[in-house]
């Protein structure tokens, strides 16, 4: 099956920039500090209100109507409700399976966070902190979460597969992304000792995670592994490791291409997509099925910002409208076509993200960020209505 997918991010794993109102009054930049700052009952009610309304059955019907056949659902390590002060959310994943099966959509469960964080990003739930791999008991805890997820959903018709952990940052990428400065830790003392994960750790964890998941997951359902931002380095690992039905997940964003030196104009973007991403996907696919698990149409040219977006903080720039609607529509359509053609060299894709709860028109600094929202891309004619 060729995957035509979208992420349901910011539903069960929060990201402040995607839904700022959930964080109002908490003085928190990530989900860890949101849970620490809010009183338990306030947190419980706020999370209930968000999870009840952000994604519903109607969204699955809408997604399926556009030809999307798979959703990638980020879930937190505290999904089973056994890690205070966090509020569990397994019942919502249960609901998602009922909705998916009714609408004919498959689900890729994506374990998106780990205690102590696997990357120090805001999407890892704990900004500036990356100590998970240094804590054997927490590594084991994550393995048990994967086991429980596999056992609970292995027989479900709606399950496509399980992704073992999202974006574990390597030692090299920890430095390149300048994580401590891009994602400031709320408590610098807590962040002491944070560093990227060694390649040896990531590979060892992947082997053990595969073994734990496969105890329950039938071989026809894939186990998915993120490339740790080094897509070309995994061929021998999967070929020699005794893996059955595995997929590699790589994330390719135009803002990262810009950070790598790609000029901020349409011709340069399309050349980069074809000469870099398309060739890379094609090469990897020869040895292991590869998906682009996160991508979007967002770019600096259409948002009016001059900042280097590899290190930019969402909404912090002085962006302004720099082109009319028709020009912007043409640019986005061409970028969509080029990227979809690149992903066709592999086994599919998941757009990031299905929706944002942002007013990108009236809120300063957010012009152009609506390109992260697939629903808005559909409604504006930027993205094919049928895929």
Protein backbone atom coordinates (compact mmCIF):
# COMPACT_ATOMS: atom_id res chain seq x y z
CA UNK A 1 0.00 0.00 0.00
CA UNK A 2 1.30 3.44 -0.95
CA UNK A 3 0.76 5.76 2.03
CA UNK A 4 -1.07 9.02 1.43
CA UNK A 5 -1.10 10.36 4.95
CA UNK A 6 -1.40 13.23 7.36
CA UNK A 7 -0.24 13.68 10.96
CA UNK A 8 -2.72 14.29 13.77
CA UNK A 9 -0.14 16.25 15.73
CA UNK A 10 -1.00 18.48 18.70
CA UNK A 11 -3.89 16.24 19.71
CA UNK A 12 -2.41 13.77 22.19
CA UNK A 13 1.05 15.38 22.20
CA UNK A 14 0.86 19.15 22.61
CA UNK A 15 3.00 21.75 20.85
CA UNK A 16 2.45 25.26 22.14
CA UNK A 17 2.92 27.03 18.80
CA UNK A 18 0.16 24.93 17.25
CA UNK A 19 -2.41 25.65 19.95
CA UNK A 20 -1.28 28.56 22.19
CA UNK A 21 -4.56 28.92 24.10
CA UNK A 22 -4.08 25.55 25.81
CA UNK A 23 -1.01 27.05 27.51
CA UNK A 24 -2.62 30.33 28.59
CA UNK A 25 -1.76 31.37 32.13
CA UNK A 26 0.77 28.58 32.69
CA UNK A 27 4.07 30.29 31.77
CA UNK A 28 5.15 27.06 30.09
CA UNK A 29 6.74 26.38 26.72
CA UNK A 30 6.30 22.61 26.68
CA UNK A 31 3.95 19.90 27.90
CA UNK A 32 6.15 18.94 30.86
CA UNK A 33 6.01 22.40 32.35
CA UNK A 34 2.33 22.83 31.50
CA UNK A 35 1.61 19.80 33.67
CA UNK A 36 3.87 21.09 36.43
CA UNK A 37 2.44 24.61 36.48
CA UNK A 38 -1.30 23.94 36.36
CA UNK A 39 -3.25 22.55 39.34
CA UNK A 40 -4.23 18.93 38.77
CA UNK A 41 -7.94 19.57 38.29
CA UNK A 42 -7.32 22.52 35.99
CA UNK A 43 -4.91 20.44 33.92
CA UNK A 44 -7.36 17.56 33.77
CA UNK A 45 -10.22 19.75 32.56
CA UNK A 46 -8.07 21.65 30.08
CA UNK A 47 -6.75 18.45 28.54
CA UNK A 48 -10.24 16.94 28.41
CA UNK A 49 -11.61 19.99 26.60
CA UNK A 50 -8.75 19.99 24.09
CA UNK A 51 -8.74 16.27 23.36
CA UNK A 52 -12.54 16.06 23.09
CA UNK A 53 -12.74 18.75 20.42
CA UNK A 54 -9.43 18.93 18.52
CA UNK A 55 -9.93 15.66 16.63
CA UNK A 56 -13.36 14.03 16.25
CA UNK A 57 -15.08 11.46 14.05
CA UNK A 58 -15.92 14.23 11.62
CA UNK A 59 -12.20 14.82 11.01
CA UNK A 60 -11.67 11.20 10.00
CA UNK A 61 -14.56 11.47 7.55
CA UNK A 62 -13.07 14.68 6.11
CA UNK A 63 -9.60 13.14 5.86
CA UNK A 64 -10.89 10.07 4.05
CA UNK A 65 -12.91 12.21 1.63
CA UNK A 66 -9.66 13.69 0.25
CA UNK A 67 -8.14 10.31 -0.52
CA UNK A 68 -5.93 10.17 2.59
CA UNK A 69 -5.58 6.50 3.55
CA UNK A 70 -3.41 6.66 6.70
CA UNK A 71 -2.96 8.95 9.70
CA UNK A 72 0.13 9.14 11.87
CA UNK A 73 -0.92 9.77 15.47
CA UNK A 74 1.77 11.07 17.83
CA UNK A 75 1.25 9.69 21.34
CA UNK A 76 3.09 10.50 24.59
CA UNK A 77 4.96 8.10 26.86
CA UNK A 78 2.33 8.77 29.53
CA UNK A 79 -0.52 7.61 27.28
CA UNK A 80 -1.60 4.93 29.78
CA UNK A 81 -1.98 7.48 32.61
CA UNK A 82 0.76 6.03 34.80
CA UNK A 83 3.12 9.02 34.97
CA UNK A 84 2.17 11.85 37.28
CA UNK A 85 1.41 14.71 36.88
CA UNK A 86 0.42 13.96 33.27
CA UNK A 87 -3.08 13.00 32.20
CA UNK A 88 -3.30 9.76 30.19
CA UNK A 89 -5.08 9.59 26.86
CA UNK A 90 -5.42 5.94 25.84
CA UNK A 91 -9.21 6.25 25.53
CA UNK A 92 -8.74 8.79 22.75
CA UNK A 93 -6.51 6.45 20.79
CA UNK A 94 -9.18 3.78 21.26
CA UNK A 95 -11.74 6.21 19.81
CA UNK A 96 -9.43 6.96 16.89
CA UNK A 97 -9.34 3.28 15.96
CA UNK A 98 -13.13 3.10 15.88
CA UNK A 99 -13.31 6.23 13.72
CA UNK A 100 -10.52 5.03 11.43
CA UNK A 101 -12.05 1.62 10.86
CA UNK A 102 -15.44 3.13 10.13
CA UNK A 103 -13.96 5.55 7.57
CA UNK A 104 -11.48 3.12 5.99
CA UNK A 105 -8.37 4.90 7.24
CA UNK A 106 -5.32 3.17 8.76
CA UNK A 107 -3.34 4.38 11.81
CA UNK A 108 0.41 4.56 12.33
CA UNK A 109 0.97 4.87 16.09
CA UNK A 110 3.98 7.14 16.63
CA UNK A 111 5.54 7.23 20.10
CA UNK A 112 6.47 10.90 20.05
CA UNK A 113 8.00 11.54 23.47
CA UNK A 114 10.14 9.87 26.12
CA UNK A 115 10.74 10.68 29.81
CA UNK A 116 13.76 12.94 30.01
CA UNK A 117 13.22 13.59 26.26
CA UNK A 118 14.92 11.99 23.30
CA UNK A 119 15.67 15.32 21.61
CA UNK A 120 15.14 18.42 23.77
CA UNK A 121 12.71 19.84 21.20
CA UNK A 122 9.32 21.33 22.08
CA UNK A 123 7.74 18.36 20.26
CA UNK A 124 9.65 16.06 22.61
CA UNK A 125 7.71 17.60 25.48
CA UNK A 126 10.65 19.00 27.46
CA UNK A 127 12.55 21.90 25.95
CA UNK A 128 16.33 21.89 26.32
CA UNK A 129 16.43 18.56 28.17
CA UNK A 130 17.76 15.40 26.50
CA UNK A 131 18.67 12.76 29.09
CA UNK A 132 16.42 9.80 28.32
CA UNK A 133 19.14 7.59 26.88
CA UNK A 134 21.24 8.16 30.01
CA UNK A 135 18.54 6.64 32.25
CA UNK A 136 18.26 2.84 31.80
CA UNK A 137 15.06 2.62 33.82
CA UNK A 138 13.36 5.16 31.54
CA UNK A 139 14.60 3.38 28.42
CA UNK A 140 12.98 0.23 29.80
CA UNK A 141 9.79 2.13 30.57
CA UNK A 142 9.51 3.28 26.96
CA UNK A 143 10.01 -0.31 25.79
CA UNK A 144 7.12 -1.41 28.01
CA UNK A 145 4.91 1.33 26.56
CA UNK A 146 5.66 0.04 23.06
CA UNK A 147 4.86 -3.49 24.19
CA UNK A 148 1.54 -2.43 25.67
CA UNK A 149 0.58 -0.49 22.54
CA UNK A 150 1.47 -3.45 20.33
CA UNK A 151 -0.47 -5.87 22.50
CA UNK A 152 -3.53 -3.60 22.67
CA UNK A 153 -3.84 -2.85 18.95
CA UNK A 154 -2.06 -5.70 17.12
CA UNK A 155 -5.30 -7.34 16.02
CA UNK A 156 -7.09 -4.12 15.06
CA UNK A 157 -8.06 -3.79 11.42
CA UNK A 158 -7.22 -0.10 11.57
CA UNK A 159 -3.61 -0.54 12.64
CA UNK A 160 -1.07 0.13 9.91
CA UNK A 161 2.00 -0.14 12.15
CA UNK A 162 3.98 1.28 15.07
CA UNK A 163 6.81 3.84 15.00
CA UNK A 164 9.19 3.23 17.88
CA UNK A 165 10.25 6.82 18.74
CA UNK A 166 10.06 10.17 16.99
CA UNK A 167 13.19 12.15 16.09
CA UNK A 168 15.82 10.84 18.51
CA UNK A 169 18.52 13.47 18.09
CA UNK A 170 22.09 12.30 17.55
CA UNK A 171 25.13 13.87 19.11
CA UNK A 172 25.96 15.56 15.81
CA UNK A 173 22.47 16.97 15.31
CA UNK A 174 22.29 18.18 18.91
CA UNK A 175 25.12 20.55 18.01
CA UNK A 176 23.92 21.41 14.50
CA UNK A 177 20.42 22.30 15.71
CA UNK A 178 21.95 24.20 18.64
CA UNK A 179 19.23 22.68 20.80
CA UNK A 180 20.11 24.34 24.15
CA UNK A 181 19.77 27.80 22.58
CA UNK A 182 16.88 27.10 20.23
CA UNK A 183 14.83 25.37 22.95
CA UNK A 184 15.68 27.08 26.21
CA UNK A 185 15.26 24.91 29.29
CA UNK A 186 12.88 26.32 31.92
CA UNK A 187 15.20 24.95 34.61
CA UNK A 188 18.87 25.12 33.52
CA UNK A 189 19.89 22.89 36.40
CA UNK A 190 17.50 20.17 35.24
CA UNK A 191 19.02 20.39 31.76
CA UNK A 192 22.60 19.88 33.00
CA UNK A 193 24.15 16.84 31.35
CA UNK A 194 21.80 16.93 28.38
CA UNK A 195 23.31 15.77 25.12
CA UNK A 196 22.42 14.01 21.91
CA UNK A 197 21.98 10.25 21.79
CA UNK A 198 24.90 8.19 20.56
CA UNK A 199 24.39 6.23 17.35
CA UNK A 200 25.25 3.10 19.32
CA UNK A 201 22.41 3.76 21.74
CA UNK A 202 19.88 4.50 18.99
CA UNK A 203 20.73 1.30 17.12
CA UNK A 204 20.66 -0.79 20.28
CA UNK A 205 17.30 0.67 21.27
CA UNK A 206 15.87 0.06 17.81
CA UNK A 207 16.85 -3.61 17.93
CA UNK A 208 15.28 -4.12 21.35
CA UNK A 209 12.16 -2.14 20.46
CA UNK A 210 11.66 -4.22 17.33
CA UNK A 211 11.96 -7.42 19.36
CA UNK A 212 9.46 -6.24 21.99
CA UNK A 213 6.92 -5.05 19.42
CA UNK A 214 7.18 -8.13 17.21
CA UNK A 215 6.18 -10.34 20.13
CA UNK A 216 2.64 -9.08 19.51
CA UNK A 217 2.59 -7.40 16.11
CA UNK A 218 2.00 -9.70 13.10
CA UNK A 219 4.64 -9.54 10.41
CA UNK A 220 2.27 -8.03 7.86
CA UNK A 221 2.18 -4.82 9.95
CA UNK A 222 5.39 -2.78 9.74
CA UNK A 223 7.59 -1.46 12.50
CA UNK A 224 8.77 2.03 11.59
CA UNK A 225 12.04 3.71 12.59
CA UNK A 226 12.98 7.38 12.36
CA UNK A 227 16.32 7.97 10.63
CA UNK A 228 17.71 10.17 13.46
CA UNK A 229 18.32 12.83 10.79
CA UNK A 230 20.78 10.65 8.86
CA UNK A 231 18.72 8.79 6.28
CA UNK A 232 21.60 7.34 4.26
CA UNK A 233 23.23 5.52 7.18
CA UNK A 234 20.69 2.72 7.81
CA UNK A 235 20.97 0.37 4.85
CA UNK A 236 23.36 -2.16 6.39
CA UNK A 237 21.67 -1.97 9.81
CA UNK A 238 18.33 -3.21 8.52
CA UNK A 239 19.81 -5.60 5.98
CA UNK A 240 21.92 -7.41 8.57
CA UNK A 241 19.73 -7.17 11.66
CA UNK A 242 17.15 -9.87 10.97
CA UNK A 243 14.30 -7.36 10.62
CA UNK A 244 11.07 -8.29 8.87
CA UNK A 245 8.73 -5.69 7.34
CA UNK A 246 10.33 -2.49 8.60
CA UNK A 247 10.18 1.06 7.21
CA UNK A 248 12.43 4.07 7.55
CA UNK A 249 10.87 7.44 8.37
CA UNK A 250 12.65 10.59 7.22
CA UNK A 251 11.48 14.17 7.82
CA UNK A 252 12.11 16.74 5.10
CA UNK A 253 11.20 20.38 5.59
CA UNK A 254 11.94 23.32 3.31
CA UNK A 255 13.00 25.38 6.31
CA UNK A 256 15.75 22.83 6.95
CA UNK A 257 16.74 23.02 3.28
CA UNK A 258 17.06 26.78 3.78
CA UNK A 259 19.23 26.19 6.82
CA UNK A 260 21.45 23.99 4.64
CA UNK A 261 21.97 26.88 2.22
CA UNK A 262 19.08 26.52 -0.24
CA UNK A 263 18.23 30.01 -1.60
CA UNK A 264 14.77 31.27 -0.69
CA UNK A 265 13.13 31.25 -4.11
CA UNK A 266 10.84 28.86 -5.97
CA UNK A 267 13.33 27.63 -8.57
CA UNK A 268 15.90 26.86 -5.88
CA UNK A 269 13.35 25.01 -3.75
CA UNK A 270 12.25 22.82 -6.67
CA UNK A 271 15.84 22.11 -7.69
CA UNK A 272 16.69 21.15 -4.12
CA UNK A 273 13.66 18.86 -3.87
CA UNK A 274 14.53 17.08 -7.12
CA UNK A 275 18.32 16.91 -6.83
CA UNK A 276 18.47 16.20 -3.09
CA UNK A 277 15.28 14.71 -1.65
CA UNK A 278 13.98 12.84 -4.69
CA UNK A 279 17.34 11.21 -5.36
CA UNK A 280 17.80 10.36 -1.69
CA UNK A 281 14.36 8.76 -1.39
CA UNK A 282 14.95 6.76 -4.57
CA UNK A 283 18.31 5.48 -3.33
CA UNK A 284 17.04 4.46 0.11
CA UNK A 285 13.97 2.74 -1.34
CA UNK A 286 16.23 0.27 -3.13
CA UNK A 287 17.15 -1.25 0.23
CA UNK A 288 14.33 -0.40 2.65
CA UNK A 289 10.83 1.08 2.23
CA UNK A 290 11.04 4.77 3.13
CA UNK A 291 8.34 7.28 3.98
CA UNK A 292 8.54 11.01 4.45
CA UNK A 293 6.78 11.10 7.80
CA UNK A 294 6.78 14.89 8.14
CA UNK A 295 6.82 17.65 5.51
CA UNK A 296 4.76 20.68 4.53
CA UNK A 297 4.57 23.65 2.16
CA UNK A 298 5.90 26.23 4.65
CA UNK A 299 8.85 28.31 3.41
CA UNK A 300 10.43 31.70 4.08
CA UNK A 301 9.65 33.18 0.67
CA UNK A 302 5.87 33.12 1.17
CA UNK A 303 5.84 34.22 4.82
CA UNK A 304 7.85 37.40 4.36
CA UNK A 305 10.44 36.57 6.97
CA UNK A 306 14.17 37.07 6.61
CA UNK A 307 15.22 34.88 9.51
CA UNK A 308 17.10 31.59 9.13
CA UNK A 309 14.16 29.30 9.81
CA UNK A 310 16.31 26.38 10.90
CA UNK A 311 16.78 28.29 14.17
CA UNK A 312 13.72 30.52 14.17
CA UNK A 313 11.15 30.45 16.95
CA UNK A 314 7.62 30.10 15.53
CA UNK A 315 5.75 33.39 15.49
CA UNK A 316 8.73 35.43 16.63
CA UNK A 317 9.56 37.02 13.26
CA UNK A 318 8.25 40.26 11.80
CA UNK A 319 6.63 38.48 8.85
CA UNK A 320 4.33 40.38 6.51
CA UNK A 321 2.33 39.65 3.39
CA UNK A 322 4.70 39.99 0.45
CA UNK A 323 2.64 38.57 -2.43
CA UNK A 324 -0.94 38.36 -3.62
CA UNK A 325 -3.13 35.31 -3.16
CA UNK A 326 -2.83 34.07 -6.74
CA UNK A 327 0.97 34.19 -6.69
CA UNK A 328 1.09 32.42 -3.36
CA UNK A 329 -1.34 29.77 -4.63
CA UNK A 330 0.82 29.09 -7.69
CA UNK A 331 3.96 28.76 -5.55
CA UNK A 332 2.34 26.35 -3.11
CA UNK A 333 0.84 24.24 -5.89
CA UNK A 334 4.23 23.86 -7.57
CA UNK A 335 5.90 23.01 -4.26
CA UNK A 336 3.21 20.45 -3.51
CA UNK A 337 3.64 18.82 -6.93
CA UNK A 338 7.43 18.70 -6.61
CA UNK A 339 7.39 17.19 -3.13
CA UNK A 340 4.65 14.67 -3.93
CA UNK A 341 6.72 13.57 -6.93
CA UNK A 342 9.74 13.10 -4.65
CA UNK A 343 7.78 11.01 -2.15
CA UNK A 344 6.50 8.86 -5.05
CA UNK A 345 10.03 7.49 -5.28
CA UNK A 346 9.43 5.90 -1.88
CA UNK A 347 6.52 4.28 -0.06
CA UNK A 348 4.52 7.37 0.82
CA UNK A 349 4.22 10.40 3.07
CA UNK A 350 2.47 12.06 6.01
CA UNK A 351 1.85 15.82 5.83
CA UNK A 352 2.55 17.81 9.00
CA UNK A 353 -0.06 18.72 10.13
CA UNK A 354 -3.82 18.17 9.72
CA UNK A 355 -4.77 21.34 11.63
CA UNK A 356 -3.49 24.24 13.72
CA UNK A 357 -5.47 26.35 16.18
CA UNK A 358 -3.91 29.64 15.09
CA UNK A 359 -5.16 32.93 13.71
CA UNK A 360 -2.47 33.48 11.09
CA UNK A 361 -4.25 36.56 9.71
CA UNK A 362 -4.61 38.77 12.77
CA UNK A 363 -1.74 37.59 14.94
CA UNK A 364 1.58 39.38 14.26
CA UNK A 365 4.44 37.14 13.19
CA UNK A 366 2.32 34.25 11.89
CA UNK A 367 1.85 35.13 8.22
CA UNK A 368 2.60 32.08 6.11
CA UNK A 369 2.31 29.58 8.92
CA UNK A 370 -1.08 28.43 7.64
CA UNK A 371 0.90 26.31 5.16
CA UNK A 372 1.52 23.88 8.03
CA UNK A 373 -2.25 23.21 8.17
CA UNK A 374 -3.41 20.72 5.53
CA UNK A 375 -7.06 21.65 6.01
CA UNK A 376 -6.29 25.26 5.14
CA UNK A 377 -4.14 24.14 2.21
CA UNK A 378 -7.11 22.19 0.85
CA UNK A 379 -9.52 25.08 1.32
CA UNK A 380 -7.14 27.58 -0.34
CA UNK A 381 -6.46 25.28 -3.30
CA UNK A 382 -2.77 25.01 -2.44
CA UNK A 383 -2.80 21.22 -2.14
CA UNK A 384 -4.59 18.66 -4.38
CA UNK A 385 -8.14 18.11 -3.15
CA UNK A 386 -7.76 14.43 -4.05
CA UNK A 387 -4.50 12.54 -3.61
